């Protein structure tokens, strides 16, 4: 069958062009959007993500403040810095790059972010708002996935949607967003039995588990929409997803590539959330 590749990179570029105009309009009103990022430790993937975020902020005209802290950073000092950023009226968005080093209490640190500056959408307040269908900031990756489905006019209502992964970053918020759009949602994880029997019934399969090429063609049904949210680096240094792209695309109706699929959309949605935060804080909505 003919499979359509969902081009997240192209869609993200279109969104960023629109956001660039919004930033220019804000600056004409004397408002300078600002995003603060806390990066703790030497995680190479995190360093790469933060550099992408810095670069995109620069392209759009958003001021980027990056606080690079050592791997052994003290929790109290991190919380102190977050409190200072909460009080700084020039800072519109605050993002703590995850994962954090194991000695730190991730939830305790995220809870200190002012929910109205929580552009990642990970505070209990923002996640709670999402649960009761009155979202404030929607986590960037799930938001990007929904935007891609809409851009390609992929019907969600009434479909069987399977989400593999249950993190607060992707799996849980994505399942809520799909449920709000009237999909029938199944969430799978490491303890799920007979996983392949569940995935083969999915009209829309979203995978975020961090296992290189885990999903193969025998695990999906003909014509499924496959959204690969995983990012893995192979032994020879290549970036690949959680789906065996070359094999699965022979059966899927739509599929996202890695790289060039969900990743660029995640950063575009972060920028969109940052501009939303500016408008929210300035009473422009």
C-alpha atoms as a PDB file:
ATOM      1  CA  UNK A   1       0.000   0.000   0.000  1.00  0.00           C
ATOM      2  CA  UNK A   2       1.042   3.622  -0.443  1.00  0.00           C
ATOM      3  CA  UNK A   3       2.437   4.971   2.818  1.00  0.00           C
ATOM      4  CA  UNK A   4       2.607   8.682   3.583  1.00  0.00           C
ATOM      5  CA  UNK A   5       5.563   9.936   5.605  1.00  0.00           C
ATOM      6  CA  UNK A   6       4.522  12.502   8.223  1.00  0.00           C
ATOM      7  CA  UNK A   7       7.061  15.297   7.793  1.00  0.00           C
ATOM      8  CA  UNK A   8       7.423  16.831  11.240  1.00  0.00           C
ATOM      9  CA  UNK A   9      10.395  18.894  10.180  1.00  0.00           C
ATOM     10  CA  UNK A  10       8.419  20.682   7.466  1.00  0.00           C
ATOM     11  CA  UNK A  11       5.412  21.292   9.708  1.00  0.00           C
ATOM     12  CA  UNK A  12       7.662  22.582  12.505  1.00  0.00           C
ATOM     13  CA  UNK A  13       9.251  25.032  10.053  1.00  0.00           C
ATOM     14  CA  UNK A  14       5.824  26.391   9.107  1.00  0.00           C
ATOM     15  CA  UNK A  15       4.866  26.824  12.762  1.00  0.00           C
ATOM     16  CA  UNK A  16       8.139  28.564  13.588  1.00  0.00           C
ATOM     17  CA  UNK A  17       7.644  31.038  10.750  1.00  0.00           C
ATOM     18  CA  UNK A  18       4.268  31.960  12.229  1.00  0.00           C
ATOM     19  CA  UNK A  19       5.773  32.259  15.704  1.00  0.00           C
ATOM     20  CA  UNK A  20       8.568  34.471  14.406  1.00  0.00           C
ATOM     21  CA  UNK A  21       5.956  36.977  13.243  1.00  0.00           C
ATOM     22  CA  UNK A  22       4.273  36.826  16.639  1.00  0.00           C
ATOM     23  CA  UNK A  23       7.588  37.550  18.363  1.00  0.00           C
ATOM     24  CA  UNK A  24       8.125  40.549  16.078  1.00  0.00           C
ATOM     25  CA  UNK A  25       4.657  41.855  16.962  1.00  0.00           C
ATOM     26  CA  UNK A  26       5.372  41.458  20.670  1.00  0.00           C
ATOM     27  CA  UNK A  27       8.694  43.253  20.354  1.00  0.00           C
ATOM     28  CA  UNK A  28       6.963  46.124  18.547  1.00  0.00           C
ATOM     29  CA  UNK A  29       4.893  46.477  21.733  1.00  0.00           C
ATOM     30  CA  UNK A  30       8.046  46.532  23.856  1.00  0.00           C
ATOM     31  CA  UNK A  31       7.672  42.910  25.017  1.00  0.00           C
ATOM     32  CA  UNK A  32      10.723  40.639  24.773  1.00  0.00           C
ATOM     33  CA  UNK A  33       9.883  36.929  25.213  1.00  0.00           C
ATOM     34  CA  UNK A  34      12.354  35.037  27.398  1.00  0.00           C
ATOM     35  CA  UNK A  35      12.798  31.306  28.070  1.00  0.00           C
ATOM     36  CA  UNK A  36      14.992  30.030  30.917  1.00  0.00           C
ATOM     37  CA  UNK A  37      16.374  26.474  30.782  1.00  0.00           C
ATOM     38  CA  UNK A  38      18.067  24.579  33.605  1.00  0.00           C
ATOM     39  CA  UNK A  39      20.444  21.834  32.479  1.00  0.00           C
ATOM     40  CA  UNK A  40      21.876  19.704  35.266  1.00  0.00           C
ATOM     41  CA  UNK A  41      24.701  17.269  34.547  1.00  0.00           C
ATOM     42  CA  UNK A  42      26.500  15.960  31.470  1.00  0.00           C
ATOM     43  CA  UNK A  43      23.795  13.883  29.762  1.00  0.00           C
ATOM     44  CA  UNK A  44      24.745  14.112  26.090  1.00  0.00           C
ATOM     45  CA  UNK A  45      21.188  13.796  24.781  1.00  0.00           C
ATOM     46  CA  UNK A  46      20.036  16.538  27.151  1.00  0.00           C
ATOM     47  CA  UNK A  47      22.913  18.769  26.092  1.00  0.00           C
ATOM     48  CA  UNK A  48      21.926  18.245  22.468  1.00  0.00           C
ATOM     49  CA  UNK A  49      18.260  19.027  23.110  1.00  0.00           C
ATOM     50  CA  UNK A  50      19.148  22.203  24.982  1.00  0.00           C
ATOM     51  CA  UNK A  51      21.425  23.348  22.166  1.00  0.00           C
ATOM     52  CA  UNK A  52      18.540  22.823  19.708  1.00  0.00           C
ATOM     53  CA  UNK A  53      16.283  24.888  21.968  1.00  0.00           C
ATOM     54  CA  UNK A  54      18.866  27.667  22.199  1.00  0.00           C
ATOM     55  CA  UNK A  55      19.262  27.710  18.441  1.00  0.00           C
ATOM     56  CA  UNK A  56      15.508  27.835  17.826  1.00  0.00           C
ATOM     57  CA  UNK A  57      15.059  30.660  20.343  1.00  0.00           C
ATOM     58  CA  UNK A  58      17.725  32.590  18.439  1.00  0.00           C
ATOM     59  CA  UNK A  59      15.987  31.980  15.112  1.00  0.00           C
ATOM     60  CA  UNK A  60      12.671  33.283  16.454  1.00  0.00           C
ATOM     61  CA  UNK A  61      14.064  36.209  18.415  1.00  0.00           C
ATOM     62  CA  UNK A  62      13.279  34.740  21.843  1.00  0.00           C
ATOM     63  CA  UNK A  63      15.835  35.476  24.549  1.00  0.00           C
ATOM     64  CA  UNK A  64      17.350  32.248  25.847  1.00  0.00           C
ATOM     65  CA  UNK A  65      18.828  31.920  29.339  1.00  0.00           C
ATOM     66  CA  UNK A  66      20.577  28.592  29.903  1.00  0.00           C
ATOM     67  CA  UNK A  67      21.816  27.673  33.371  1.00  0.00           C
ATOM     68  CA  UNK A  68      24.285  24.790  33.128  1.00  0.00           C
ATOM     69  CA  UNK A  69      24.758  23.161  36.518  1.00  0.00           C
ATOM     70  CA  UNK A  70      27.182  20.366  37.473  1.00  0.00           C
ATOM     71  CA  UNK A  71      26.107  16.754  37.848  1.00  0.00           C
ATOM     72  CA  UNK A  72      26.429  16.991  41.637  1.00  0.00           C
ATOM     73  CA  UNK A  73      24.357  20.186  41.897  1.00  0.00           C
ATOM     74  CA  UNK A  74      22.638  20.622  45.258  1.00  0.00           C
ATOM     75  CA  UNK A  75      18.844  20.325  45.243  1.00  0.00           C
ATOM     76  CA  UNK A  76      18.420  23.358  47.485  1.00  0.00           C
ATOM     77  CA  UNK A  77      20.440  25.519  45.092  1.00  0.00           C
ATOM     78  CA  UNK A  78      18.384  24.345  42.108  1.00  0.00           C
ATOM     79  CA  UNK A  79      15.164  25.200  43.927  1.00  0.00           C
ATOM     80  CA  UNK A  80      16.632  28.590  44.910  1.00  0.00           C
ATOM     81  CA  UNK A  81      17.381  29.317  41.249  1.00  0.00           C
ATOM     82  CA  UNK A  82      13.862  28.284  40.201  1.00  0.00           C
ATOM     83  CA  UNK A  83      12.369  30.579  42.839  1.00  0.00           C
ATOM     84  CA  UNK A  84      14.469  33.469  41.526  1.00  0.00           C
ATOM     85  CA  UNK A  85      13.263  32.800  37.978  1.00  0.00           C
ATOM     86  CA  UNK A  86       9.673  32.575  39.224  1.00  0.00           C
ATOM     87  CA  UNK A  87      10.047  36.071  40.683  1.00  0.00           C
ATOM     88  CA  UNK A  88      11.779  37.520  37.627  1.00  0.00           C
ATOM     89  CA  UNK A  89       9.094  39.274  35.566  1.00  0.00           C
ATOM     90  CA  UNK A  90      11.391  39.302  32.514  1.00  0.00           C
ATOM     91  CA  UNK A  91      11.383  35.479  32.377  1.00  0.00           C
ATOM     92  CA  UNK A  92       8.248  34.084  30.745  1.00  0.00           C
ATOM     93  CA  UNK A  93       8.998  30.371  30.625  1.00  0.00           C
ATOM     94  CA  UNK A  94      10.992  28.004  32.852  1.00  0.00           C
ATOM     95  CA  UNK A  95      12.094  24.559  31.729  1.00  0.00           C
ATOM     96  CA  UNK A  96      14.038  21.973  33.727  1.00  0.00           C
ATOM     97  CA  UNK A  97      15.653  19.588  31.233  1.00  0.00           C
ATOM     98  CA  UNK A  98      14.863  15.970  32.069  1.00  0.00           C
ATOM     99  CA  UNK A  99      16.081  13.498  33.118  1.00  0.00           C
ATOM    100  CA  UNK A 100      17.781  14.884  36.212  1.00  0.00           C
ATOM    101  CA  UNK A 101      20.709  13.124  37.946  1.00  0.00           C
ATOM    102  CA  UNK A 102      19.472  10.321  40.189  1.00  0.00           C
ATOM    103  CA  UNK A 103      20.350  12.023  43.488  1.00  0.00           C
ATOM    104  CA  UNK A 104      17.762  14.741  42.795  1.00  0.00           C
ATOM    105  CA  UNK A 105      14.034  14.520  43.535  1.00  0.00           C
ATOM    106  CA  UNK A 106      12.594  15.299  40.104  1.00  0.00           C
ATOM    107  CA  UNK A 107       9.003  15.755  41.268  1.00  0.00           C
ATOM    108  CA  UNK A 108       9.985  18.041  44.141  1.00  0.00           C
ATOM    109  CA  UNK A 109      11.962  20.259  41.755  1.00  0.00           C
ATOM    110  CA  UNK A 110       9.238  20.415  39.086  1.00  0.00           C
ATOM    111  CA  UNK A 111       6.666  21.354  41.722  1.00  0.00           C
ATOM    112  CA  UNK A 112       8.617  24.548  42.457  1.00  0.00           C
ATOM    113  CA  UNK A 113       8.063  25.979  38.963  1.00  0.00           C
ATOM    114  CA  UNK A 114       5.359  28.640  38.749  1.00  0.00           C
ATOM    115  CA  UNK A 115       2.599  26.845  36.771  1.00  0.00           C
ATOM    116  CA  UNK A 116       2.060  29.975  34.677  1.00  0.00           C
ATOM    117  CA  UNK A 117       5.683  29.728  33.528  1.00  0.00           C
ATOM    118  CA  UNK A 118       5.641  25.926  33.158  1.00  0.00           C
ATOM    119  CA  UNK A 119       6.073  25.809  29.376  1.00  0.00           C
ATOM    120  CA  UNK A 120       6.875  22.069  29.516  1.00  0.00           C
ATOM    121  CA  UNK A 121       3.537  21.371  31.235  1.00  0.00           C
ATOM    122  CA  UNK A 122       4.989  18.980  33.830  1.00  0.00           C
ATOM    123  CA  UNK A 123       3.931  20.600  37.114  1.00  0.00           C
ATOM    124  CA  UNK A 124       1.124  18.852  39.018  1.00  0.00           C
ATOM    125  CA  UNK A 125      -1.070  21.901  38.380  1.00  0.00           C
ATOM    126  CA  UNK A 126      -0.656  21.742  34.599  1.00  0.00           C
ATOM    127  CA  UNK A 127      -1.040  17.966  34.467  1.00  0.00           C
ATOM    128  CA  UNK A 128      -4.140  18.247  36.672  1.00  0.00           C
ATOM    129  CA  UNK A 129      -5.628  20.878  34.367  1.00  0.00           C
ATOM    130  CA  UNK A 130      -5.020  18.519  31.450  1.00  0.00           C
ATOM    131  CA  UNK A 131      -6.796  15.706  33.307  1.00  0.00           C
ATOM    132  CA  UNK A 132      -9.960  17.787  33.813  1.00  0.00           C
ATOM    133  CA  UNK A 133      -9.972  19.022  30.175  1.00  0.00           C
ATOM    134  CA  UNK A 134      -9.030  22.629  30.964  1.00  0.00           C
ATOM    135  CA  UNK A 135      -5.366  22.603  29.886  1.00  0.00           C
ATOM    136  CA  UNK A 136      -3.010  25.464  30.667  1.00  0.00           C
ATOM    137  CA  UNK A 137       0.252  24.280  29.082  1.00  0.00           C
ATOM    138  CA  UNK A 138       0.151  20.961  27.219  1.00  0.00           C
ATOM    139  CA  UNK A 139       3.396  18.923  27.319  1.00  0.00           C
ATOM    140  CA  UNK A 140       5.270  19.641  24.099  1.00  0.00           C
ATOM    141  CA  UNK A 141       5.743  16.173  22.599  1.00  0.00           C
ATOM    142  CA  UNK A 142       2.102  15.027  22.978  1.00  0.00           C
ATOM    143  CA  UNK A 143       0.948  18.429  21.721  1.00  0.00           C
ATOM    144  CA  UNK A 144       3.190  18.001  18.681  1.00  0.00           C
ATOM    145  CA  UNK A 145       1.827  14.525  17.978  1.00  0.00           C
ATOM    146  CA  UNK A 146      -1.766  15.800  17.946  1.00  0.00           C
ATOM    147  CA  UNK A 147      -0.771  18.717  15.701  1.00  0.00           C
ATOM    148  CA  UNK A 148       0.767  16.296  13.188  1.00  0.00           C
ATOM    149  CA  UNK A 149      -2.323  14.077  13.161  1.00  0.00           C
ATOM    150  CA  UNK A 150      -4.482  17.135  12.527  1.00  0.00           C
ATOM    151  CA  UNK A 151      -2.182  18.508   9.819  1.00  0.00           C
ATOM    152  CA  UNK A 152      -2.475  15.242   7.896  1.00  0.00           C
ATOM    153  CA  UNK A 153      -6.236  15.093   8.538  1.00  0.00           C
ATOM    154  CA  UNK A 154      -5.954  11.758  10.316  1.00  0.00           C
ATOM    155  CA  UNK A 155      -9.233  10.958  12.051  1.00  0.00           C
ATOM    156  CA  UNK A 156      -8.926  10.333  15.793  1.00  0.00           C
ATOM    157  CA  UNK A 157     -12.531  10.085  16.941  1.00  0.00           C
ATOM    158  CA  UNK A 158     -13.738   6.513  17.285  1.00  0.00           C
ATOM    159  CA  UNK A 159     -10.331   5.024  16.516  1.00  0.00           C
ATOM    160  CA  UNK A 160      -8.443   2.476  18.603  1.00  0.00           C
ATOM    161  CA  UNK A 161      -5.336   4.280  19.824  1.00  0.00           C
ATOM    162  CA  UNK A 162      -2.534   2.407  21.569  1.00  0.00           C
ATOM    163  CA  UNK A 163       0.141   4.321  23.477  1.00  0.00           C
ATOM    164  CA  UNK A 164       3.247   2.381  24.508  1.00  0.00           C
ATOM    165  CA  UNK A 165       4.888   4.179  27.420  1.00  0.00           C
ATOM    166  CA  UNK A 166       3.403   5.806  30.525  1.00  0.00           C
ATOM    167  CA  UNK A 167       5.746   8.675  31.407  1.00  0.00           C
ATOM    168  CA  UNK A 168       4.449  12.104  32.413  1.00  0.00           C
ATOM    169  CA  UNK A 169       6.515  13.470  29.529  1.00  0.00           C
ATOM    170  CA  UNK A 170       4.727  11.564  26.752  1.00  0.00           C
ATOM    171  CA  UNK A 171       2.582   8.530  27.511  1.00  0.00           C
ATOM    172  CA  UNK A 172       0.165   9.784  30.157  1.00  0.00           C
ATOM    173  CA  UNK A 173      -0.546  13.230  28.680  1.00  0.00           C
ATOM    174  CA  UNK A 174      -0.776  11.828  25.149  1.00  0.00           C
ATOM    175  CA  UNK A 175      -3.329   9.237  26.252  1.00  0.00           C
ATOM    176  CA  UNK A 176      -5.428  12.019  27.832  1.00  0.00           C
ATOM    177  CA  UNK A 177      -5.272  14.139  24.673  1.00  0.00           C
ATOM    178  CA  UNK A 178      -6.356  11.198  22.505  1.00  0.00           C
ATOM    179  CA  UNK A 179      -9.137  10.366  24.942  1.00  0.00           C
ATOM    180  CA  UNK A 180     -10.355  13.974  24.827  1.00  0.00           C
ATOM    181  CA  UNK A 181     -10.550  13.610  21.040  1.00  0.00           C
ATOM    182  CA  UNK A 182     -12.825  10.568  21.499  1.00  0.00           C
ATOM    183  CA  UNK A 183     -10.370   7.807  20.678  1.00  0.00           C
ATOM    184  CA  UNK A 184     -10.576   4.518  22.551  1.00  0.00           C
ATOM    185  CA  UNK A 185      -7.191   4.496  24.284  1.00  0.00           C
ATOM    186  CA  UNK A 186      -5.076   1.618  25.574  1.00  0.00           C
ATOM    187  CA  UNK A 187      -1.868   2.413  27.473  1.00  0.00           C
ATOM    188  CA  UNK A 188       0.812  -0.296  27.430  1.00  0.00           C
ATOM    189  CA  UNK A 189       4.063  -0.517  29.391  1.00  0.00           C
ATOM    190  CA  UNK A 190       6.856  -2.857  30.441  1.00  0.00           C
ATOM    191  CA  UNK A 191       4.484  -5.115  32.401  1.00  0.00           C
ATOM    192  CA  UNK A 192       1.883  -5.462  29.634  1.00  0.00           C
ATOM    193  CA  UNK A 193       1.332  -9.072  28.582  1.00  0.00           C
ATOM    194  CA  UNK A 194       0.816 -10.161  24.961  1.00  0.00           C
ATOM    195  CA  UNK A 195       1.769  -6.692  23.738  1.00  0.00           C
ATOM    196  CA  UNK A 196       1.717  -7.699  20.089  1.00  0.00           C
ATOM    197  CA  UNK A 197      -1.926  -8.762  20.369  1.00  0.00           C
ATOM    198  CA  UNK A 198      -2.818  -5.255  21.529  1.00  0.00           C
ATOM    199  CA  UNK A 199      -0.685  -3.360  19.009  1.00  0.00           C
ATOM    200  CA  UNK A 200      -2.147  -5.363  16.109  1.00  0.00           C
ATOM    201  CA  UNK A 201      -5.577  -3.885  16.913  1.00  0.00           C
ATOM    202  CA  UNK A 202      -4.372  -0.274  16.901  1.00  0.00           C
ATOM    203  CA  UNK A 203      -5.627   2.170  14.297  1.00  0.00           C
ATOM    204  CA  UNK A 204      -3.155   4.686  15.744  1.00  0.00           C
ATOM    205  CA  UNK A 205      -0.002   3.367  17.426  1.00  0.00           C
ATOM    206  CA  UNK A 206       2.196   5.792  19.399  1.00  0.00           C
ATOM    207  CA  UNK A 207       5.493   4.427  20.708  1.00  0.00           C
ATOM    208  CA  UNK A 208       7.691   6.086  23.346  1.00  0.00           C
ATOM    209  CA  UNK A 209       9.785   3.485  25.141  1.00  0.00           C
ATOM    210  CA  UNK A 210      13.414   4.143  24.160  1.00  0.00           C
ATOM    211  CA  UNK A 211      14.041   0.701  22.637  1.00  0.00           C
ATOM    212  CA  UNK A 212      15.756   0.700  19.273  1.00  0.00           C
ATOM    213  CA  UNK A 213      13.520  -0.615  16.436  1.00  0.00           C
ATOM    214  CA  UNK A 214      11.322  -2.449  18.953  1.00  0.00           C
ATOM    215  CA  UNK A 215       8.150  -2.352  16.832  1.00  0.00           C
ATOM    216  CA  UNK A 216       8.252  -4.497  13.690  1.00  0.00           C
ATOM    217  CA  UNK A 217       5.718  -5.130  10.937  1.00  0.00           C
ATOM    218  CA  UNK A 218       4.302  -8.231  12.626  1.00  0.00           C
ATOM    219  CA  UNK A 219       3.117  -6.034  15.521  1.00  0.00           C
ATOM    220  CA  UNK A 220       0.903  -3.688  13.506  1.00  0.00           C
ATOM    221  CA  UNK A 221      -2.154  -4.112  11.355  1.00  0.00           C
ATOM    222  CA  UNK A 222      -2.398  -3.145   7.708  1.00  0.00           C
ATOM    223  CA  UNK A 223      -3.098   0.569   7.319  1.00  0.00           C
ATOM    224  CA  UNK A 224      -2.233   1.618  10.880  1.00  0.00           C
ATOM    225  CA  UNK A 225      -0.983   5.121  11.652  1.00  0.00           C
ATOM    226  CA  UNK A 226       2.392   4.753  13.409  1.00  0.00           C
ATOM    227  CA  UNK A 227       3.851   7.604  15.471  1.00  0.00           C
ATOM    228  CA  UNK A 228       7.439   6.919  16.537  1.00  0.00           C
ATOM    229  CA  UNK A 229       8.387   9.105  19.512  1.00  0.00           C
ATOM    230  CA  UNK A 230      11.573   7.227  20.440  1.00  0.00           C
ATOM    231  CA  UNK A 231      15.079   8.512  19.913  1.00  0.00           C
ATOM    232  CA  UNK A 232      17.952   6.021  20.137  1.00  0.00           C
ATOM    233  CA  UNK A 233      21.578   6.109  19.025  1.00  0.00           C
ATOM    234  CA  UNK A 234      22.810   2.880  17.424  1.00  0.00           C
ATOM    235  CA  UNK A 235      26.241   1.345  17.961  1.00  0.00           C
ATOM    236  CA  UNK A 236      27.464   2.988  14.746  1.00  0.00           C
ATOM    237  CA  UNK A 237      26.222   6.409  15.856  1.00  0.00           C
ATOM    238  CA  UNK A 238      23.034   6.621  13.805  1.00  0.00           C
ATOM    239  CA  UNK A 239      19.819   8.037  15.257  1.00  0.00           C
ATOM    240  CA  UNK A 240      16.834   5.715  15.061  1.00  0.00           C
ATOM    241  CA  UNK A 241      13.424   5.377  16.652  1.00  0.00           C
ATOM    242  CA  UNK A 242      11.478   2.732  18.547  1.00  0.00           C
ATOM    243  CA  UNK A 243       9.978   1.500  15.261  1.00  0.00           C
ATOM    244  CA  UNK A 244      11.718  -0.455  12.522  1.00  0.00           C
ATOM    245  CA  UNK A 245      10.889   2.234   9.971  1.00  0.00           C
ATOM    246  CA  UNK A 246      11.895   0.443   6.767  1.00  0.00           C
ATOM    247  CA  UNK A 247       9.899  -2.650   7.673  1.00  0.00           C
ATOM    248  CA  UNK A 248       6.829  -1.038   9.242  1.00  0.00           C
ATOM    249  CA  UNK A 249       6.318   1.547   6.490  1.00  0.00           C
ATOM    250  CA  UNK A 250       5.402  -1.337   4.167  1.00  0.00           C
ATOM    251  CA  UNK A 251       2.179  -1.851   6.169  1.00  0.00           C
ATOM    252  CA  UNK A 252       1.411   1.552   7.708  1.00  0.00           C
ATOM    253  CA  UNK A 253      -0.810   4.164   6.065  1.00  0.00           C
ATOM    254  CA  UNK A 254       1.086   6.988   7.788  1.00  0.00           C
ATOM    255  CA  UNK A 255       4.373   6.890   9.684  1.00  0.00           C
ATOM    256  CA  UNK A 256       6.746   9.373  11.307  1.00  0.00           C
ATOM    257  CA  UNK A 257      10.479   9.081  10.570  1.00  0.00           C
ATOM    258  CA  UNK A 258      13.277   9.415  13.125  1.00  0.00           C
ATOM    259  CA  UNK A 259      14.874  11.870  12.828  1.00  0.00           C
ATOM    260  CA  UNK A 260      12.599  14.427  11.182  1.00  0.00           C
ATOM    261  CA  UNK A 261       9.276  13.434  12.729  1.00  0.00           C
ATOM    262  CA  UNK A 262       8.182  14.143  16.284  1.00  0.00           C
ATOM    263  CA  UNK A 263      11.480  15.692  17.443  1.00  0.00           C
ATOM    264  CA  UNK A 264      11.248  18.992  15.513  1.00  0.00           C
ATOM    265  CA  UNK A 265       7.600  19.321  16.541  1.00  0.00           C
ATOM    266  CA  UNK A 266       8.491  19.036  20.221  1.00  0.00           C
ATOM    267  CA  UNK A 267      10.745  22.093  19.992  1.00  0.00           C
ATOM    268  CA  UNK A 268       8.193  24.001  17.898  1.00  0.00           C
ATOM    269  CA  UNK A 269       5.534  23.343  20.541  1.00  0.00           C
ATOM    270  CA  UNK A 270       7.903  24.545  23.269  1.00  0.00           C
ATOM    271  CA  UNK A 271       8.294  27.819  21.400  1.00  0.00           C
ATOM    272  CA  UNK A 272       4.510  28.033  20.966  1.00  0.00           C
ATOM    273  CA  UNK A 273       3.998  27.439  24.692  1.00  0.00           C
ATOM    274  CA  UNK A 274       6.550  30.148  25.474  1.00  0.00           C
ATOM    275  CA  UNK A 275       4.694  32.717  23.343  1.00  0.00           C
ATOM    276  CA  UNK A 276       1.436  31.631  24.969  1.00  0.00           C
ATOM    277  CA  UNK A 277       3.038  32.218  28.384  1.00  0.00           C
ATOM    278  CA  UNK A 278       4.041  35.745  27.345  1.00  0.00           C
ATOM    279  CA  UNK A 279       0.496  36.569  26.255  1.00  0.00           C
ATOM    280  CA  UNK A 280      -0.966  34.998  29.383  1.00  0.00           C
ATOM    281  CA  UNK A 281       1.301  36.981  31.689  1.00  0.00           C
ATOM    282  CA  UNK A 282       0.758  40.241  29.794  1.00  0.00           C
ATOM    283  CA  UNK A 283      -3.025  39.914  29.612  1.00  0.00           C
ATOM    284  CA  UNK A 284      -3.041  39.634  25.818  1.00  0.00           C
ATOM    285  CA  UNK A 285      -5.348  36.627  25.540  1.00  0.00           C
END
